[in-house]
Amino acid sequence: MNRVAQHPVQAFAAALGAVAILSIMDAVMKALVIAIGIYSVSIWRSVTNLVLTGALYLPRRLPWPSRQTLKIHVARGVVVTVMAALFFWGIGRVPLAQAIALTFIAPLIALILAALFLHERIGRRSVAGSFAAFAGVLVIVLGQARADLGEEVLVGSLAIVGSALCYACNIVLMRHQSLAAKPLEINFFQSITVLALWLAAVPFFGVPHWPAGWWMWILTAALMSTAGGLLFSWAYARAEASYLAVTEYSAFLWASALGWLIFREPVSLYTVAGAALIVGGCAVAARGKVTDPPEMDYT
């Protein structure tokens, strides 16, 4: 099988661009959650995502996936739905910089899950990195407590950590899914699953109101999600994961800037120190772990 030519500099730039686009999307989603609520924005965004992914996938008239592959699609769709709901609900209550810093623990959780379910060995560096990252989370939570930001921020932070746990499960599932299907198929069936799950909630919560004044922002968030995912796919096909992984942490800079400019959210020293510990822990753990990059996907 022919390998894609390696272009590390261009790939690094593309990955940085993907992080920037997805960080701006997070800010848009935060504004939408505050304005119309997580339920309404999630349903209408899911509808938009399905239209976009269907327009890319269906014209190709590809064979229908096998029953086993469909099970993987559905399982990951469920995880992605919970992950996105927790994350976007959380960022509606937590400053963006703190929220993004907390999500950085996902790769370390993935290492633990890989050890439990894939029987992969956890080295000393991974253990040390996990302790450092956990200390970073505690520092951020301590900063929240000292600032007396309110109970909603603490609950929102727990939702963000729960989302990071789901994302770690998502990483493990991606390893299986990427062997069974191509990116367009994965995105299309994930969109169907996510929308179906949100529609299942309609009998309990009712049909959401049409977001007339916010529809263009919902479309913008969906387009950014698709664009960011495609940029990441292009980048990871052209450079090693260990080379590109550092670009993920630029999201903290974007979150800090966007949170301050748009939502007037100050960035405390506790958040900066906690983020440094989490990023440092991930770096220590990654030095002792070399794997093929999983297919990147962003909801």
Protein backbone atom coordinates (compact mmCIF):
# COMPACT_ATOMS: atom_id res chain seq x y z
CA MET A 1 0.00 0.00 0.00
CA ASN A 2 1.40 3.42 -0.95
CA ARG A 3 2.08 5.79 1.91
CA VAL A 4 1.19 9.46 1.74
CA ALA A 5 4.25 11.66 1.28
CA GLN A 6 5.52 13.17 4.52
CA HIS A 7 5.25 16.96 4.84
CA PRO A 8 5.87 17.64 8.55
CA VAL A 9 5.98 21.45 8.39
CA GLN A 10 2.76 21.73 6.39
CA ALA A 11 1.16 19.07 8.59
CA PHE A 12 2.13 20.95 11.74
CA ALA A 13 0.61 24.14 10.32
CA ALA A 14 -2.57 22.26 9.36
CA ALA A 15 -2.86 20.78 12.85
CA LEU A 16 -2.40 24.23 14.41
CA GLY A 17 -5.10 25.52 12.08
CA ALA A 18 -7.43 22.70 13.09
CA VAL A 19 -6.94 23.49 16.78
CA ALA A 20 -7.63 27.17 16.10
CA ILE A 21 -10.85 26.43 14.18
CA LEU A 22 -12.12 24.00 16.80
CA SER A 23 -11.24 26.41 19.62
CA ILE A 24 -13.30 29.14 17.96
CA MET A 25 -16.08 26.56 17.55
CA ASP A 26 -15.99 25.93 21.30
CA ALA A 27 -16.50 29.65 21.92
CA VAL A 28 -19.43 29.69 19.47
CA MET A 29 -20.96 26.65 21.20
CA LYS A 30 -20.52 28.27 24.63
CA ALA A 31 -22.46 31.32 23.43
CA LEU A 32 -25.16 29.08 21.91
CA VAL A 33 -25.53 26.99 25.09
CA ILE A 34 -25.90 30.16 27.17
CA ALA A 35 -28.42 31.63 24.69
CA ILE A 36 -30.69 28.69 23.77
CA GLY A 37 -29.62 25.80 26.02
CA ILE A 38 -27.72 22.54 25.48
CA TYR A 39 -30.83 20.58 24.39
CA SER A 40 -31.88 22.92 21.60
CA VAL A 41 -28.42 23.62 20.24
CA SER A 42 -27.50 19.91 20.29
CA ILE A 43 -30.54 18.83 18.27
CA TRP A 44 -30.28 21.55 15.63
CA ARG A 45 -26.52 21.12 15.36
CA SER A 46 -27.00 17.34 14.95
CA VAL A 47 -29.46 17.96 12.11
CA THR A 48 -26.93 20.26 10.41
CA ASN A 49 -24.09 17.77 10.89
CA LEU A 50 -26.15 14.97 9.31
CA VAL A 51 -26.95 17.13 6.28
CA LEU A 52 -23.28 18.03 5.83
CA THR A 53 -21.90 14.50 6.29
CA GLY A 54 -24.67 13.02 4.14
CA ALA A 55 -23.81 15.41 1.32
CA LEU A 56 -20.22 14.17 1.45
CA TYR A 57 -20.89 10.44 1.93
CA LEU A 58 -24.11 9.48 0.09
CA PRO A 59 -23.17 10.63 -3.45
CA ARG A 60 -20.28 8.14 -3.40
CA ARG A 61 -22.78 5.21 -3.26
CA LEU A 62 -20.43 3.10 -1.15
CA PRO A 63 -21.41 -0.40 0.04
CA TRP A 64 -23.46 -0.58 3.23
CA PRO A 65 -21.27 -1.46 6.27
CA SER A 66 -21.44 -4.90 7.84
CA ARG A 67 -23.49 -5.59 10.95
CA GLN A 68 -20.33 -5.72 13.11
CA THR A 69 -19.13 -2.40 11.73
CA LEU A 70 -22.54 -0.84 12.35
CA LYS A 71 -22.33 -1.96 15.99
CA ILE A 72 -19.02 -0.13 16.32
CA HIS A 73 -20.51 2.98 14.68
CA VAL A 74 -23.46 2.97 17.08
CA ALA A 75 -21.31 2.31 20.16
CA ARG A 76 -19.00 5.17 19.33
CA GLY A 77 -21.94 7.41 18.44
CA VAL A 78 -23.37 6.87 21.93
CA VAL A 79 -20.04 7.73 23.55
CA VAL A 80 -19.63 10.83 21.36
CA THR A 81 -23.15 12.03 22.23
CA VAL A 82 -22.52 11.81 25.97
CA MET A 83 -19.05 13.32 25.55
CA ALA A 84 -20.32 16.33 23.59
CA ALA A 85 -23.33 16.89 25.85
CA LEU A 86 -21.16 16.94 28.99
CA PHE A 87 -18.50 19.14 27.41
CA PHE A 88 -20.81 21.76 25.93
CA TRP A 89 -22.99 21.81 29.05
CA GLY A 90 -19.83 22.26 31.10
CA ILE A 91 -18.37 25.12 29.06
CA GLY A 92 -21.66 26.96 29.51
CA ARG A 93 -20.74 27.18 33.22
CA VAL A 94 -16.94 27.02 33.34
CA PRO A 95 -14.43 29.57 31.95
CA LEU A 96 -13.11 28.33 28.61
CA ALA A 97 -9.45 28.22 29.69
CA GLN A 98 -10.24 26.06 32.73
CA ALA A 99 -12.47 23.77 30.68
CA ILE A 100 -9.84 23.17 27.99
CA ALA A 101 -7.13 22.61 30.59
CA LEU A 102 -9.25 19.91 32.25
CA THR A 103 -9.78 18.10 28.93
CA PHE A 104 -6.01 17.59 28.58
CA ILE A 105 -6.22 14.63 30.98
CA ALA A 106 -8.02 12.56 28.30
CA PRO A 107 -4.85 11.02 26.77
CA LEU A 108 -3.73 9.75 30.18
CA ILE A 109 -7.15 8.28 30.91
CA ALA A 110 -6.90 6.58 27.51
CA LEU A 111 -3.62 4.95 28.58
CA ILE A 112 -5.33 3.48 31.65
CA LEU A 113 -8.29 2.26 29.60
CA ALA A 114 -5.95 0.73 27.02
CA ALA A 115 -4.21 -1.16 29.82
CA LEU A 116 -7.53 -2.43 31.19
CA PHE A 117 -9.26 -3.37 27.93
CA LEU A 118 -6.45 -3.78 25.40
CA HIS A 119 -3.93 -5.23 27.88
CA GLU A 120 -1.31 -2.64 27.04
CA ARG A 121 1.53 -2.15 29.51
CA ILE A 122 1.69 1.07 31.57
CA GLY A 123 5.29 2.16 32.19
CA ARG A 124 6.74 4.21 35.03
CA ARG A 125 6.65 7.37 32.96
CA SER A 126 2.92 6.93 32.37
CA VAL A 127 2.31 6.50 36.10
CA ALA A 128 4.40 9.58 36.92
CA GLY A 129 2.64 11.57 34.22
CA SER A 130 -0.77 10.51 35.53
CA PHE A 131 0.08 11.74 39.03
CA ALA A 132 1.32 15.08 37.66
CA ALA A 133 -1.82 15.54 35.56
CA PHE A 134 -4.06 14.64 38.51
CA ALA A 135 -2.20 17.21 40.60
CA GLY A 136 -2.92 19.75 37.86
CA VAL A 137 -6.65 19.01 38.06
CA LEU A 138 -6.54 19.47 41.84
CA VAL A 139 -4.76 22.82 41.44
CA ILE A 140 -7.47 24.06 39.03
CA VAL A 141 -10.25 22.90 41.37
CA LEU A 142 -8.45 24.53 44.32
CA GLY A 143 -8.31 27.78 42.37
CA GLN A 144 -12.06 27.55 41.75
CA ALA A 145 -12.70 26.99 45.45
CA ARG A 146 -10.53 29.96 46.51
CA ALA A 147 -12.16 32.21 43.94
CA ASP A 148 -15.61 31.16 45.17
CA LEU A 149 -16.96 30.93 41.62
CA GLY A 150 -20.09 29.14 42.79
CA GLU A 151 -21.48 25.63 42.78
CA GLU A 152 -22.34 25.75 39.06
CA VAL A 153 -18.68 26.10 38.11
CA LEU A 154 -17.71 23.09 40.24
CA VAL A 155 -20.49 20.96 38.75
CA GLY A 156 -19.52 22.19 35.28
CA SER A 157 -15.91 21.16 35.95
CA LEU A 158 -17.08 17.67 36.92
CA ALA A 159 -19.01 17.52 33.63
CA ILE A 160 -15.82 18.49 31.74
CA VAL A 161 -13.85 15.73 33.50
CA GLY A 162 -16.66 13.29 32.66
CA SER A 163 -16.42 14.40 29.03
CA ALA A 164 -12.66 13.79 29.11
CA LEU A 165 -13.33 10.27 30.37
CA CYS A 166 -15.75 9.73 27.47
CA TYR A 167 -13.18 11.09 25.04
CA ALA A 168 -10.64 8.62 26.38
CA CYS A 169 -13.13 5.81 25.68
CA ASN A 170 -13.64 7.39 22.27
CA ILE A 171 -9.90 7.13 21.54
CA VAL A 172 -9.94 3.41 22.35
CA LEU A 173 -13.00 2.87 20.15
CA MET A 174 -11.39 4.79 17.29
CA ARG A 175 -8.59 2.25 17.17
CA HIS A 176 -11.10 -0.47 16.35
CA GLN A 177 -13.31 1.66 14.12
CA SER A 178 -10.51 2.98 11.91
CA LEU A 179 -9.68 -0.59 10.92
CA ALA A 180 -13.25 -1.25 9.79
CA ALA A 181 -14.34 1.94 8.01
CA LYS A 182 -13.23 5.09 6.21
CA PRO A 183 -13.55 8.62 7.68
CA LEU A 184 -16.59 9.68 5.58
CA GLU A 185 -18.51 6.55 6.55
CA ILE A 186 -17.58 6.99 10.21
CA ASN A 187 -18.72 10.62 10.28
CA PHE A 188 -21.98 9.89 8.47
CA PHE A 189 -23.11 7.03 10.70
CA GLN A 190 -21.93 8.87 13.79
CA SER A 191 -24.13 11.81 12.76
CA ILE A 192 -27.13 9.48 12.35
CA THR A 193 -26.55 7.92 15.78
CA VAL A 194 -26.10 11.25 17.55
CA LEU A 195 -29.25 12.74 15.98
CA ALA A 196 -31.27 9.59 16.75
CA LEU A 197 -30.26 9.76 20.42
CA TRP A 198 -31.23 13.42 20.71
CA LEU A 199 -34.53 12.81 18.92
CA ALA A 200 -35.26 10.02 21.43
CA ALA A 201 -35.33 12.75 24.11
CA VAL A 202 -38.04 14.76 22.29
CA PRO A 203 -41.01 12.89 23.93
CA PHE A 204 -39.58 13.85 27.35
CA PHE A 205 -38.43 17.42 26.70
CA GLY A 206 -40.55 18.45 23.72
CA VAL A 207 -39.63 19.80 20.30
CA PRO A 208 -37.03 22.58 20.63
CA HIS A 209 -37.97 26.01 19.36
CA TRP A 210 -36.61 27.09 16.00
CA PRO A 211 -33.49 29.13 16.80
CA ALA A 212 -34.29 31.89 14.30
CA GLY A 213 -31.73 34.40 15.53
CA TRP A 214 -29.05 31.77 16.11
CA TRP A 215 -29.39 29.49 13.10
CA MET A 216 -26.37 30.91 11.26
CA TRP A 217 -24.21 30.37 14.35
CA ILE A 218 -25.36 26.74 14.57
CA LEU A 219 -24.44 26.29 10.91
CA THR A 220 -21.09 27.99 11.58
CA ALA A 221 -20.35 25.59 14.47
CA ALA A 222 -21.19 22.57 12.29
CA LEU A 223 -19.01 23.81 9.42
CA MET A 224 -16.11 24.48 11.81
CA SER A 225 -16.45 20.98 13.27
CA THR A 226 -16.25 19.45 9.78
CA ALA A 227 -13.37 21.69 8.67
CA GLY A 228 -11.36 21.03 11.82
CA GLY A 229 -11.81 17.28 11.50
CA LEU A 230 -10.72 17.27 7.86
CA LEU A 231 -7.64 19.38 8.64
CA PHE A 232 -6.65 16.98 11.41
CA SER A 233 -7.14 14.00 9.08
CA TRP A 234 -4.91 15.65 6.46
CA ALA A 235 -2.24 16.50 9.03
CA TYR A 236 -2.12 13.08 10.71
CA ALA A 237 -1.76 11.39 7.33
CA ARG A 238 1.43 13.35 6.71
CA ALA A 239 3.31 13.45 10.03
CA GLU A 240 3.84 11.33 13.12
CA ALA A 241 1.45 11.67 16.06
CA SER A 242 4.33 12.39 18.45
CA TYR A 243 5.31 15.37 16.26
CA LEU A 244 1.78 16.79 16.03
CA ALA A 245 0.55 16.07 19.55
CA VAL A 246 1.96 19.32 20.95
CA THR A 247 -0.41 21.33 18.72
CA GLU A 248 -3.33 20.19 20.90
CA TYR A 249 -2.04 22.33 23.76
CA SER A 250 -2.29 25.52 21.72
CA ALA A 251 -6.02 25.23 22.44
CA PHE A 252 -5.31 26.58 25.93
CA LEU A 253 -3.98 29.83 24.44
CA TRP A 254 -7.01 30.17 22.19
CA ALA A 255 -9.40 29.39 25.05
CA SER A 256 -7.71 31.92 27.32
CA ALA A 257 -7.84 34.65 24.65
CA LEU A 258 -11.39 33.92 23.47
CA GLY A 259 -12.70 33.56 27.03
CA TRP A 260 -11.26 36.95 27.96
CA LEU A 261 -12.24 38.78 24.74
CA ILE A 262 -15.76 37.40 24.31
CA PHE A 263 -16.92 36.36 27.78
CA ARG A 264 -14.66 38.56 29.95
CA GLU A 265 -13.31 35.50 31.77
CA PRO A 266 -10.05 36.16 33.65
CA VAL A 267 -7.35 33.47 33.64
CA SER A 268 -6.07 32.78 37.16
CA LEU A 269 -2.56 31.64 38.09
CA TYR A 270 -4.15 28.44 39.43
CA THR A 271 -5.49 27.65 35.95
CA VAL A 272 -2.12 28.35 34.32
CA ALA A 273 -0.26 26.24 36.92
CA GLY A 274 -2.77 23.40 36.65
CA ALA A 275 -2.58 23.43 32.85
CA ALA A 276 1.23 23.33 33.04
CA LEU A 277 1.11 20.28 35.33
CA ILE A 278 -1.39 18.48 33.08
CA VAL A 279 0.56 19.22 29.89
CA GLY A 280 3.82 18.25 31.62
CA GLY A 281 2.30 14.99 32.81
CA CYS A 282 1.11 14.17 29.29
CA ALA A 283 4.57 14.96 27.90
CA VAL A 284 6.27 12.70 30.45
CA ALA A 285 3.85 9.85 29.73
CA ALA A 286 4.15 10.26 25.95
CA ARG A 287 7.96 9.93 26.01
CA GLY A 288 7.61 6.33 27.07
CA LYS A 289 4.78 5.45 24.71
CA VAL A 290 4.96 5.28 20.91
CA THR A 291 1.87 4.22 18.97
CA ASP A 292 0.32 4.73 15.57
CA PRO A 293 -1.97 7.76 15.52
CA PRO A 294 -5.69 6.98 15.74
CA GLU A 295 -8.05 8.61 13.30
CA MET A 296 -8.79 12.04 14.73
CA ASP A 297 -12.41 13.11 15.12
CA TYR A 298 -14.08 16.14 16.70
CA THR A 299 -17.72 16.53 17.43
